Amino acid sequence: MKTALVTGGTKGIGKGIARVLLENGYEVALNYDRDERTAMQTQREFNLLGYCPVLLKADVSSEAAVKSMFREFFETYDSLDLLVNNAGISIVKVLQDTTLEDYNRLFSVNMLGTFLCSKEAILRMIPSRGGSIVNIASIWGEVGASCETVYSATKGAVISFTKALSKELAPSNIRVNCISPGVIDTDMNADLSPMEMEDLINSIPLERMGRPEEIGEAVLYLAEARYVTGVNIPVGGGFAK
């Protein structure tokens, strides 16, 4: 039995990732933070499809909460084959309107959360000499986004973190990879105006937004590709700016 923990796994990209993993034989634990109603709804949707994902509530930016989440995970499962660090937030503001609180919150969830969850996962993966970590970054972490300067910086940090950690863990047969989604049809794009959305879609060679499940397909590939580590795969329909 293959096991996976997906942070931010009850909606958007995380939910799409979870669905693909469930469909391909993984037992999946879905992390969420505050939106218990959506988490329960997602669990019910998967139950109706014949799957039984476990819900784990935790703020990934809290070390205590992350440690508690992993303890709960290992009360249910004996091992962890795949960690997907997907939990993330965005703030759309020009830099002069971005507060220190905004900055700290973005880095706490997007980067610190990745650090804390990876650290807990490898404590169990290293002794078992195996496992896979897939971090979800963003195309903006590669090319930068106007009005999302700090968000872009957090995702650039995730990409660098991935490359460095992959080298550190390779001797333990643990693979660490990254995916940079482009424009995906999720609530995270709700702040974009119709004109901004049209401009983005016109910049995509495949002429459409991606679907969350298409990120899940890339995660599955990286989870199963035993000779791939330290890579960042853009999944954006050819989008580049």
C-alpha atoms as a PDB file:
ATOM      1  CA  MET A   1       0.000   0.000   0.000  1.00  0.00           C
ATOM      2  CA  LYS A   2       1.413   3.397  -1.022  1.00  0.00           C
ATOM      3  CA  THR A   3       0.721   6.322   1.266  1.00  0.00           C
ATOM      4  CA  ALA A   4       0.704  10.065   0.648  1.00  0.00           C
ATOM      5  CA  LEU A   5       0.190  13.241   2.628  1.00  0.00           C
ATOM      6  CA  VAL A   6      -0.996  16.259   0.649  1.00  0.00           C
ATOM      7  CA  THR A   7      -0.903  19.602   2.444  1.00  0.00           C
ATOM      8  CA  GLY A   8      -3.660  21.998   1.436  1.00  0.00           C
ATOM      9  CA  GLY A   9      -5.279  18.909  -0.017  1.00  0.00           C
ATOM     10  CA  THR A  10      -8.987  19.625   0.286  1.00  0.00           C
ATOM     11  CA  LYS A  11      -9.472  22.184  -2.481  1.00  0.00           C
ATOM     12  CA  GLY A  12      -7.946  23.614  -5.636  1.00  0.00           C
ATOM     13  CA  ILE A  13      -4.703  22.090  -6.843  1.00  0.00           C
ATOM     14  CA  GLY A  14      -4.350  19.982  -3.701  1.00  0.00           C
ATOM     15  CA  LYS A  15      -7.725  18.351  -4.252  1.00  0.00           C
ATOM     16  CA  GLY A  16      -6.819  17.609  -7.871  1.00  0.00           C
ATOM     17  CA  ILE A  17      -3.536  16.042  -6.753  1.00  0.00           C
ATOM     18  CA  ALA A  18      -5.339  13.944  -4.140  1.00  0.00           C
ATOM     19  CA  ARG A  19      -7.841  12.654  -6.669  1.00  0.00           C
ATOM     20  CA  VAL A  20      -5.145  11.477  -9.076  1.00  0.00           C
ATOM     21  CA  LEU A  21      -3.254   9.755  -6.265  1.00  0.00           C
ATOM     22  CA  LEU A  22      -6.394   8.044  -4.971  1.00  0.00           C
ATOM     23  CA  GLU A  23      -7.254   6.866  -8.468  1.00  0.00           C
ATOM     24  CA  ASN A  24      -3.793   5.330  -8.731  1.00  0.00           C
ATOM     25  CA  GLY A  25      -3.850   3.269  -5.575  1.00  0.00           C
ATOM     26  CA  TYR A  26      -2.524   5.617  -2.914  1.00  0.00           C
ATOM     27  CA  GLU A  27      -3.938   5.903   0.575  1.00  0.00           C
ATOM     28  CA  VAL A  28      -4.096   9.672   1.030  1.00  0.00           C
ATOM     29  CA  ALA A  29      -4.189  11.979   4.029  1.00  0.00           C
ATOM     30  CA  LEU A  30      -5.522  15.451   3.268  1.00  0.00           C
ATOM     31  CA  ASN A  31      -4.238  18.364   5.319  1.00  0.00           C
ATOM     32  CA  TYR A  32      -6.291  21.510   5.804  1.00  0.00           C
ATOM     33  CA  ASP A  33      -6.111  24.463   8.154  1.00  0.00           C
ATOM     34  CA  ARG A  34      -9.250  26.514   8.796  1.00  0.00           C
ATOM     35  CA  ASP A  35     -11.974  25.552   6.320  1.00  0.00           C
ATOM     36  CA  GLU A  36     -13.379  22.444   7.973  1.00  0.00           C
ATOM     37  CA  ARG A  37     -16.633  22.634   6.013  1.00  0.00           C
ATOM     38  CA  THR A  38     -14.834  22.378   2.673  1.00  0.00           C
ATOM     39  CA  ALA A  39     -12.580  19.638   4.053  1.00  0.00           C
ATOM     40  CA  MET A  40     -15.568  17.535   5.108  1.00  0.00           C
ATOM     41  CA  GLN A  41     -17.264  18.127   1.778  1.00  0.00           C
ATOM     42  CA  THR A  42     -14.173  17.004  -0.112  1.00  0.00           C
ATOM     43  CA  GLN A  43     -13.903  13.905   2.048  1.00  0.00           C
ATOM     44  CA  ARG A  44     -17.550  13.062   1.322  1.00  0.00           C
ATOM     45  CA  GLU A  45     -17.019  13.541  -2.419  1.00  0.00           C
ATOM     46  CA  PHE A  46     -14.121  11.102  -2.352  1.00  0.00           C
ATOM     47  CA  ASN A  47     -16.121   8.677  -0.186  1.00  0.00           C
ATOM     48  CA  LEU A  48     -18.841   8.609  -2.846  1.00  0.00           C
ATOM     49  CA  LEU A  49     -16.179   7.643  -5.373  1.00  0.00           C
ATOM     50  CA  GLY A  50     -15.126   4.747  -3.184  1.00  0.00           C
ATOM     51  CA  TYR A  51     -12.065   6.308  -1.533  1.00  0.00           C
ATOM     52  CA  CYS A  52     -11.393   6.893   2.157  1.00  0.00           C
ATOM     53  CA  PRO A  53      -8.947   9.761   2.611  1.00  0.00           C
ATOM     54  CA  VAL A  54      -8.032  10.840   6.135  1.00  0.00           C
ATOM     55  CA  LEU A  55      -8.372  14.499   7.149  1.00  0.00           C
ATOM     56  CA  LEU A  56      -5.557  16.116   9.135  1.00  0.00           C
ATOM     57  CA  LYS A  57      -6.075  19.635  10.480  1.00  0.00           C
ATOM     58  CA  ALA A  58      -2.904  21.697  10.920  1.00  0.00           C
ATOM     59  CA  ASP A  59      -1.432  25.111  10.208  1.00  0.00           C
ATOM     60  CA  VAL A  60       1.721  24.150   8.297  1.00  0.00           C
ATOM     61  CA  SER A  61       3.464  27.323   9.461  1.00  0.00           C
ATOM     62  CA  SER A  62       3.313  26.097  13.084  1.00  0.00           C
ATOM     63  CA  GLU A  63       6.031  23.662  14.143  1.00  0.00           C
ATOM     64  CA  ALA A  64       3.884  22.266  16.944  1.00  0.00           C
ATOM     65  CA  ALA A  65       0.910  21.756  14.627  1.00  0.00           C
ATOM     66  CA  VAL A  66       3.058  20.051  11.986  1.00  0.00           C
ATOM     67  CA  LYS A  67       4.612  17.698  14.533  1.00  0.00           C
ATOM     68  CA  SER A  68       1.135  16.836  15.820  1.00  0.00           C
ATOM     69  CA  MET A  69      -0.122  16.221  12.267  1.00  0.00           C
ATOM     70  CA  PHE A  70       2.682  13.795  11.510  1.00  0.00           C
ATOM     71  CA  ARG A  71       2.131  11.957  14.790  1.00  0.00           C
ATOM     72  CA  GLU A  72      -1.521  11.561  13.821  1.00  0.00           C
ATOM     73  CA  PHE A  73      -0.546  10.412  10.337  1.00  0.00           C
ATOM     74  CA  PHE A  74       1.711   7.676  11.701  1.00  0.00           C
ATOM     75  CA  GLU A  75      -0.994   6.540  14.100  1.00  0.00           C
ATOM     76  CA  THR A  76      -2.910   5.550  10.965  1.00  0.00           C
ATOM     77  CA  TYR A  77      -0.133   4.515   8.583  1.00  0.00           C
ATOM     78  CA  ASP A  78       3.134   2.690   9.155  1.00  0.00           C
ATOM     79  CA  SER A  79       5.100   4.625   6.545  1.00  0.00           C
ATOM     80  CA  LEU A  80       5.009   7.664   4.271  1.00  0.00           C
ATOM     81  CA  ASP A  81       5.864   7.146   0.608  1.00  0.00           C
ATOM     82  CA  LEU A  82       4.998  10.607  -0.701  1.00  0.00           C
ATOM     83  CA  LEU A  83       4.781  14.081   0.787  1.00  0.00           C
ATOM     84  CA  VAL A  84       3.251  16.781  -1.395  1.00  0.00           C
ATOM     85  CA  ASN A  85       3.935  20.260  -0.036  1.00  0.00           C
ATOM     86  CA  ASN A  86       1.071  22.060  -1.710  1.00  0.00           C
ATOM     87  CA  ALA A  87      -0.351  24.365   0.990  1.00  0.00           C
ATOM     88  CA  GLY A  88       0.097  27.959  -0.078  1.00  0.00           C
ATOM     89  CA  ILE A  89      -1.392  31.422  -0.047  1.00  0.00           C
ATOM     90  CA  SER A  90      -1.071  34.459  -2.297  1.00  0.00           C
ATOM     91  CA  ILE A  91      -1.529  38.198  -1.850  1.00  0.00           C
ATOM     92  CA  VAL A  92      -1.952  40.526  -4.822  1.00  0.00           C
ATOM     93  CA  LYS A  93      -0.508  43.946  -3.943  1.00  0.00           C
ATOM     94  CA  VAL A  94       2.118  46.313  -5.266  1.00  0.00           C
ATOM     95  CA  LEU A  95       5.202  46.212  -3.075  1.00  0.00           C
ATOM     96  CA  GLN A  96       4.635  49.596  -1.420  1.00  0.00           C
ATOM     97  CA  ASP A  97       1.245  48.374  -0.167  1.00  0.00           C
ATOM     98  CA  THR A  98       2.604  45.041   1.051  1.00  0.00           C
ATOM     99  CA  THR A  99       2.945  45.024   4.815  1.00  0.00           C
ATOM    100  CA  LEU A 100       5.496  43.226   6.934  1.00  0.00           C
ATOM    101  CA  GLU A 101       2.611  41.103   8.178  1.00  0.00           C
ATOM    102  CA  ASP A 102       1.812  40.132   4.573  1.00  0.00           C
ATOM    103  CA  TYR A 103       5.469  39.278   3.967  1.00  0.00           C
ATOM    104  CA  ASN A 104       5.778  37.141   7.079  1.00  0.00           C
ATOM    105  CA  ARG A 105       2.516  35.309   6.436  1.00  0.00           C
ATOM    106  CA  LEU A 106       3.453  34.465   2.833  1.00  0.00           C
ATOM    107  CA  PHE A 107       6.858  33.126   3.784  1.00  0.00           C
ATOM    108  CA  SER A 108       5.455  31.319   6.840  1.00  0.00           C
ATOM    109  CA  VAL A 109       2.939  29.289   4.840  1.00  0.00           C
ATOM    110  CA  ASN A 110       4.667  28.931   1.477  1.00  0.00           C
ATOM    111  CA  MET A 111       8.271  28.374   2.533  1.00  0.00           C
ATOM    112  CA  LEU A 112       8.334  27.657   6.264  1.00  0.00           C
ATOM    113  CA  GLY A 113       5.486  25.170   5.812  1.00  0.00           C
ATOM    114  CA  THR A 114       7.485  23.350   3.160  1.00  0.00           C
ATOM    115  CA  PHE A 115      10.523  23.293   5.442  1.00  0.00           C
ATOM    116  CA  LEU A 116       8.638  22.039   8.499  1.00  0.00           C
ATOM    117  CA  CYS A 117       6.707  19.302   6.696  1.00  0.00           C
ATOM    118  CA  SER A 118       9.764  18.109   4.793  1.00  0.00           C
ATOM    119  CA  LYS A 119      11.771  17.940   8.003  1.00  0.00           C
ATOM    120  CA  GLU A 120       9.163  15.786   9.735  1.00  0.00           C
ATOM    121  CA  ALA A 121       8.722  13.523   6.709  1.00  0.00           C
ATOM    122  CA  ILE A 122      12.395  12.742   6.291  1.00  0.00           C
ATOM    123  CA  LEU A 123      12.717  11.748   9.945  1.00  0.00           C
ATOM    124  CA  ARG A 124      10.757   8.629   8.911  1.00  0.00           C
ATOM    125  CA  MET A 125      11.946   8.359   5.306  1.00  0.00           C
ATOM    126  CA  ILE A 126      15.683   8.299   6.058  1.00  0.00           C
ATOM    127  CA  PRO A 127      15.584   5.168   8.286  1.00  0.00           C
ATOM    128  CA  SER A 128      13.457   3.373   5.670  1.00  0.00           C
ATOM    129  CA  ARG A 129      15.806   4.537   2.882  1.00  0.00           C
ATOM    130  CA  GLY A 130      13.100   5.653   0.523  1.00  0.00           C
ATOM    131  CA  GLY A 131      10.418   8.175  -0.208  1.00  0.00           C
ATOM    132  CA  SER A 132       9.487  11.074  -2.413  1.00  0.00           C
ATOM    133  CA  ILE A 133       8.796  14.744  -1.723  1.00  0.00           C
ATOM    134  CA  VAL A 134       7.094  16.909  -4.332  1.00  0.00           C
ATOM    135  CA  ASN A 135       6.922  20.636  -3.678  1.00  0.00           C
ATOM    136  CA  ILE A 136       4.380  22.816  -5.459  1.00  0.00           C
ATOM    137  CA  ALA A 137       5.942  26.130  -6.469  1.00  0.00           C
ATOM    138  CA  SER A 138       4.683  28.418  -9.251  1.00  0.00           C
ATOM    139  CA  ILE A 139       5.688  29.698 -12.656  1.00  0.00           C
ATOM    140  CA  TRP A 140       5.959  33.059 -10.881  1.00  0.00           C
ATOM    141  CA  GLY A 141       8.773  31.615  -8.817  1.00  0.00           C
ATOM    142  CA  GLU A 142      10.710  31.314 -12.063  1.00  0.00           C
ATOM    143  CA  VAL A 143       9.797  34.500 -13.921  1.00  0.00           C
ATOM    144  CA  GLY A 144       8.222  36.786 -11.287  1.00  0.00           C
ATOM    145  CA  ALA A 145       4.787  38.385 -11.253  1.00  0.00           C
ATOM    146  CA  SER A 146       3.954  42.055 -11.044  1.00  0.00           C
ATOM    147  CA  CYS A 147       1.890  42.809  -7.936  1.00  0.00           C
ATOM    148  CA  GLU A 148       2.922  39.451  -6.466  1.00  0.00           C
ATOM    149  CA  THR A 149       6.547  40.229  -5.676  1.00  0.00           C
ATOM    150  CA  VAL A 150       6.706  38.541  -2.285  1.00  0.00           C
ATOM    151  CA  TYR A 151       4.605  35.573  -3.427  1.00  0.00           C
ATOM    152  CA  SER A 152       7.007  35.111  -6.339  1.00  0.00           C
ATOM    153  CA  ALA A 153       9.942  35.261  -3.931  1.00  0.00           C
ATOM    154  CA  THR A 154       8.439  32.542  -1.725  1.00  0.00           C
ATOM    155  CA  LYS A 155       7.980  30.235  -4.697  1.00  0.00           C
ATOM    156  CA  GLY A 156      11.492  30.950  -5.955  1.00  0.00           C
ATOM    157  CA  ALA A 157      12.682  29.927  -2.500  1.00  0.00           C
ATOM    158  CA  VAL A 158      10.722  26.674  -2.747  1.00  0.00           C
ATOM    159  CA  ILE A 159      12.437  25.874  -6.053  1.00  0.00           C
ATOM    160  CA  SER A 160      15.917  26.497  -4.598  1.00  0.00           C
ATOM    161  CA  PHE A 161      15.025  24.535  -1.463  1.00  0.00           C
ATOM    162  CA  THR A 162      13.994  21.602  -3.644  1.00  0.00           C
ATOM    163  CA  LYS A 163      17.233  21.528  -5.596  1.00  0.00           C
ATOM    164  CA  ALA A 164      19.395  21.737  -2.477  1.00  0.00           C
ATOM    165  CA  LEU A 165      17.442  19.163  -0.465  1.00  0.00           C
ATOM    166  CA  SER A 166      17.468  16.707  -3.359  1.00  0.00           C
ATOM    167  CA  LYS A 167      21.268  16.593  -3.197  1.00  0.00           C
ATOM    168  CA  GLU A 168      21.240  16.206   0.574  1.00  0.00           C
ATOM    169  CA  LEU A 169      18.782  13.297   0.556  1.00  0.00           C
ATOM    170  CA  ALA A 170      19.862  11.421  -2.563  1.00  0.00           C
ATOM    171  CA  PRO A 171      22.258   9.142  -0.603  1.00  0.00           C
ATOM    172  CA  SER A 172      19.246   8.041   1.463  1.00  0.00           C
ATOM    173  CA  ASN A 173      17.313   7.183  -1.731  1.00  0.00           C
ATOM    174  CA  ILE A 174      14.823   9.986  -1.081  1.00  0.00           C
ATOM    175  CA  ARG A 175      13.861  12.004  -4.135  1.00  0.00           C
ATOM    176  CA  VAL A 176      12.857  15.671  -3.939  1.00  0.00           C
ATOM    177  CA  ASN A 177      11.268  17.405  -6.915  1.00  0.00           C
ATOM    178  CA  CYS A 178       9.195  20.448  -7.688  1.00  0.00           C
ATOM    179  CA  ILE A 179       6.315  21.471  -9.945  1.00  0.00           C
ATOM    180  CA  SER A 180       5.691  25.035 -11.092  1.00  0.00           C
ATOM    181  CA  PRO A 181       2.033  25.343 -12.112  1.00  0.00           C
ATOM    182  CA  GLY A 182       1.075  28.005 -14.583  1.00  0.00           C
ATOM    183  CA  VAL A 183      -2.443  29.443 -14.689  1.00  0.00           C
ATOM    184  CA  ILE A 184      -4.670  26.819 -13.080  1.00  0.00           C
ATOM    185  CA  ASP A 185      -8.443  27.077 -12.720  1.00  0.00           C
ATOM    186  CA  THR A 186      -8.698  27.525  -8.932  1.00  0.00           C
ATOM    187  CA  ASP A 187      -9.985  30.054  -6.405  1.00  0.00           C
ATOM    188  CA  MET A 188      -6.461  31.490  -6.124  1.00  0.00           C
ATOM    189  CA  ASN A 189      -7.127  33.282  -9.405  1.00  0.00           C
ATOM    190  CA  ALA A 190     -10.381  34.809  -8.139  1.00  0.00           C
ATOM    191  CA  ASP A 191      -8.749  38.205  -7.611  1.00  0.00           C
ATOM    192  CA  LEU A 192      -7.930  38.560 -11.295  1.00  0.00           C
ATOM    193  CA  SER A 193     -10.225  40.771 -13.365  1.00  0.00           C
ATOM    194  CA  PRO A 194     -11.794  39.338 -16.552  1.00  0.00           C
ATOM    195  CA  MET A 195      -9.372  41.457 -18.583  1.00  0.00           C
ATOM    196  CA  GLU A 196      -6.370  40.174 -16.627  1.00  0.00           C
ATOM    197  CA  MET A 197      -7.582  36.598 -17.016  1.00  0.00           C
ATOM    198  CA  GLU A 198      -8.089  37.049 -20.751  1.00  0.00           C
ATOM    199  CA  ASP A 199      -4.587  38.457 -21.063  1.00  0.00           C
ATOM    200  CA  LEU A 200      -3.143  35.480 -19.209  1.00  0.00           C
ATOM    201  CA  ILE A 201      -5.028  32.928 -21.319  1.00  0.00           C
ATOM    202  CA  ASN A 202      -3.907  34.681 -24.495  1.00  0.00           C
ATOM    203  CA  SER A 203      -0.330  34.177 -23.265  1.00  0.00           C
ATOM    204  CA  ILE A 204      -0.762  30.396 -22.969  1.00  0.00           C
ATOM    205  CA  PRO A 205       0.153  28.451 -26.125  1.00  0.00           C
ATOM    206  CA  LEU A 206      -2.447  25.768 -25.311  1.00  0.00           C
ATOM    207  CA  GLU A 207      -5.034  28.586 -25.065  1.00  0.00           C
ATOM    208  CA  ARG A 208      -6.676  27.519 -21.816  1.00  0.00           C
ATOM    209  CA  MET A 209      -6.155  27.362 -18.076  1.00  0.00           C
ATOM    210  CA  GLY A 210      -4.904  24.135 -16.594  1.00  0.00           C
ATOM    211  CA  ARG A 211      -6.986  21.840 -14.418  1.00  0.00           C
ATOM    212  CA  PRO A 212      -5.959  20.818 -10.905  1.00  0.00           C
ATOM    213  CA  GLU A 213      -5.896  17.164 -11.940  1.00  0.00           C
ATOM    214  CA  GLU A 214      -3.255  17.985 -14.540  1.00  0.00           C
ATOM    215  CA  ILE A 215      -0.939  19.048 -11.720  1.00  0.00           C
ATOM    216  CA  GLY A 216      -1.840  15.753 -10.061  1.00  0.00           C
ATOM    217  CA  GLU A 217      -0.667  13.869 -13.144  1.00  0.00           C
ATOM    218  CA  ALA A 218       2.732  15.552 -12.873  1.00  0.00           C
ATOM    219  CA  VAL A 219       2.911  14.743  -9.157  1.00  0.00           C
ATOM    220  CA  LEU A 220       2.166  11.092  -9.890  1.00  0.00           C
ATOM    221  CA  TYR A 221       4.947  10.993 -12.470  1.00  0.00           C
ATOM    222  CA  LEU A 222       7.476  12.425 -10.018  1.00  0.00           C
ATOM    223  CA  ALA A 223       6.264  10.094  -7.261  1.00  0.00           C
ATOM    224  CA  GLU A 224       6.877   7.061  -9.453  1.00  0.00           C
ATOM    225  CA  ALA A 225       9.930   8.133 -11.497  1.00  0.00           C
ATOM    226  CA  ARG A 226      12.670   6.470  -9.466  1.00  0.00           C
ATOM    227  CA  TYR A 227      15.615   8.090 -11.272  1.00  0.00           C
ATOM    228  CA  VAL A 228      14.345  11.667 -11.233  1.00  0.00           C
ATOM    229  CA  THR A 229      15.353  14.052  -8.473  1.00  0.00           C
ATOM    230  CA  GLY A 230      16.179  17.737  -8.101  1.00  0.00           C
ATOM    231  CA  VAL A 231      14.038  18.870 -11.026  1.00  0.00           C
ATOM    232  CA  ASN A 232      11.441  21.604 -11.350  1.00  0.00           C
ATOM    233  CA  ILE A 233       8.789  20.828 -13.949  1.00  0.00           C
ATOM    234  CA  PRO A 234       6.728  23.736 -15.315  1.00  0.00           C
ATOM    235  CA  VAL A 235       3.126  22.619 -15.893  1.00  0.00           C
ATOM    236  CA  GLY A 236       1.548  25.576 -17.616  1.00  0.00           C
ATOM    237  CA  GLY A 237       0.548  24.752 -21.161  1.00  0.00           C
ATOM    238  CA  GLY A 238       3.734  26.317 -22.502  1.00  0.00           C
ATOM    239  CA  PHE A 239       3.168  29.569 -20.604  1.00  0.00           C
ATOM    240  CA  ALA A 240       6.262  31.698 -20.007  1.00  0.00           C
ATOM    241  CA  LYS A 241       6.588  35.438 -19.437  1.00  0.00           C
END
